[in-house]
Amino acid sequence: MDTSTQEFQEKSFFKAMACNLVTGWQVVFSESKWIFIRAFRRWEIKQLRKRLNEEYLAIGKLFTGLLEQKKPIDPQHPEAEMSIKQISFLKEEIEHMENELVSSRKDYIARRTQK
């Protein structure tokens, strides 16, 4: 093997190695960024679940108070109606955010593999 061929192979090897190293660091930083995004979104979902539990507690207290006063439980009661609407909204929002988290992960990986 002549020296020019050997030099070319060595340059190609180091160029490929450098390219792989850069790609590896890009993946590491990309995954680190995703971990931060996922953690923040999970925290948001956790806060929504906490709020949902508070609404369940509020409606439970309202209905318990009505039962103790021997009044009929009426879902049309203004406080109950507001809590029921809030519960419905929070459930939809939690489901939407969880689905969005899954789809954004798929998009995130797809964009990274297209480069």
Protein backbone atom coordinates (compact mmCIF):
# COMPACT_ATOMS: atom_id res chain seq x y z
CA MET A 1 0.00 0.00 0.00
CA ASP A 2 1.49 3.34 -0.97
CA THR A 3 1.71 6.27 1.44
CA SER A 4 -1.01 8.34 -0.24
CA THR A 5 -3.56 5.53 0.13
CA GLN A 6 -2.55 5.00 3.76
CA GLU A 7 -2.83 8.75 4.47
CA PHE A 8 -6.28 8.82 2.82
CA GLN A 9 -7.45 5.88 4.92
CA GLU A 10 -6.15 7.46 8.12
CA LYS A 11 -7.84 10.78 7.29
CA SER A 12 -11.07 8.95 6.46
CA PHE A 13 -10.87 7.02 9.73
CA PHE A 14 -10.32 10.15 11.83
CA LYS A 15 -12.97 12.06 9.89
CA ALA A 16 -15.49 9.25 10.45
CA MET A 17 -14.52 9.02 14.11
CA ALA A 18 -14.97 12.78 14.55
CA CYS A 19 -18.32 12.63 12.76
CA ASN A 20 -19.48 9.79 15.04
CA LEU A 21 -18.29 11.69 18.10
CA VAL A 22 -20.21 14.81 17.06
CA THR A 23 -23.33 12.74 16.35
CA GLY A 24 -23.01 11.04 19.73
CA TRP A 25 -22.81 14.37 21.56
CA GLN A 26 -25.80 15.66 19.59
CA VAL A 27 -27.83 12.66 20.73
CA VAL A 28 -26.71 13.12 24.34
CA PHE A 29 -27.67 16.81 24.36
CA SER A 30 -30.90 16.09 22.52
CA GLU A 31 -31.91 13.44 25.06
CA SER A 32 -30.94 15.75 27.93
CA LYS A 33 -33.19 18.42 26.48
CA TRP A 34 -36.02 15.90 26.09
CA ILE A 35 -35.62 14.77 29.72
CA PHE A 36 -36.07 18.38 30.86
CA ILE A 37 -39.12 18.90 28.61
CA ARG A 38 -40.71 15.63 29.77
CA ALA A 39 -40.06 16.42 33.44
CA PHE A 40 -41.67 19.85 33.12
CA ARG A 41 -44.72 18.46 31.30
CA ARG A 42 -45.07 15.65 33.83
CA TRP A 43 -44.99 18.29 36.57
CA GLU A 44 -47.77 20.20 34.79
CA ILE A 45 -49.86 17.03 34.54
CA LYS A 46 -49.23 16.31 38.22
CA GLN A 47 -50.48 19.80 39.11
CA LEU A 48 -53.63 19.25 37.05
CA ARG A 49 -54.24 15.91 38.80
CA LYS A 50 -53.83 17.64 42.15
CA ARG A 51 -56.39 20.26 41.11
CA LEU A 52 -58.73 17.49 39.89
CA ASN A 53 -58.53 15.80 43.30
CA GLU A 54 -59.35 19.13 44.96
CA GLU A 55 -62.47 19.44 42.79
CA TYR A 56 -63.53 15.89 43.71
CA LEU A 57 -63.01 16.80 47.35
CA ALA A 58 -65.05 19.99 46.99
CA ILE A 59 -67.99 18.23 45.36
CA GLY A 60 -67.81 15.45 47.95
CA LYS A 61 -67.93 17.97 50.78
CA LEU A 62 -70.86 19.75 49.15
CA PHE A 63 -72.87 16.56 48.74
CA THR A 64 -71.98 15.40 52.25
CA GLY A 65 -73.19 18.73 53.63
CA LEU A 66 -76.44 18.39 51.72
CA LEU A 67 -76.94 14.84 53.03
CA GLU A 68 -76.27 15.96 56.61
CA GLN A 69 -78.89 18.69 56.20
CA LYS A 70 -81.24 16.03 54.78
CA LYS A 71 -81.52 17.97 51.53
CA PRO A 72 -81.67 16.19 48.19
CA ILE A 73 -78.44 15.88 46.25
CA ASP A 74 -78.89 18.02 43.17
CA PRO A 75 -76.24 18.05 40.42
CA GLN A 76 -77.86 21.29 39.25
CA HIS A 77 -76.80 22.99 42.48
CA PRO A 78 -74.67 26.01 41.41
CA GLU A 79 -71.56 24.91 43.32
CA ALA A 80 -71.91 21.31 42.18
CA GLU A 81 -72.46 22.33 38.57
CA MET A 82 -69.32 24.44 38.59
CA SER A 83 -67.26 21.62 40.13
CA ILE A 84 -68.63 19.09 37.65
CA LYS A 85 -67.69 21.33 34.73
CA GLN A 86 -64.24 21.89 36.21
CA ILE A 87 -63.75 18.12 36.70
CA SER A 88 -64.73 17.48 33.10
CA PHE A 89 -62.35 20.17 31.85
CA LEU A 90 -59.45 18.92 33.96
CA LYS A 91 -59.93 15.32 32.79
CA GLU A 92 -59.90 16.43 29.16
CA GLU A 93 -56.85 18.62 29.72
CA ILE A 94 -54.91 15.82 31.43
CA GLU A 95 -55.73 13.40 28.62
CA HIS A 96 -54.75 16.00 26.01
CA MET A 97 -51.43 16.74 27.70
CA GLU A 98 -50.57 13.05 28.04
CA ASN A 99 -51.37 12.43 24.36
CA GLU A 100 -49.40 15.53 23.38
CA LEU A 101 -46.40 14.29 25.37
CA VAL A 102 -46.44 10.97 23.49
CA SER A 103 -46.87 12.59 20.08
CA SER A 104 -44.21 15.24 20.74
CA ARG A 105 -41.75 12.48 21.68
CA LYS A 106 -42.44 10.75 18.36
CA ASP A 107 -42.00 14.05 16.49
CA TYR A 108 -38.83 14.80 18.45
CA ILE A 109 -37.27 11.48 17.48
CA ALA A 110 -38.44 11.80 13.86
CA ARG A 111 -36.83 15.24 13.51
CA ARG A 112 -33.58 13.98 14.99
CA THR A 113 -33.41 10.99 12.64
CA GLN A 114 -34.08 13.16 9.57
CA LYS A 115 -30.89 15.18 10.09
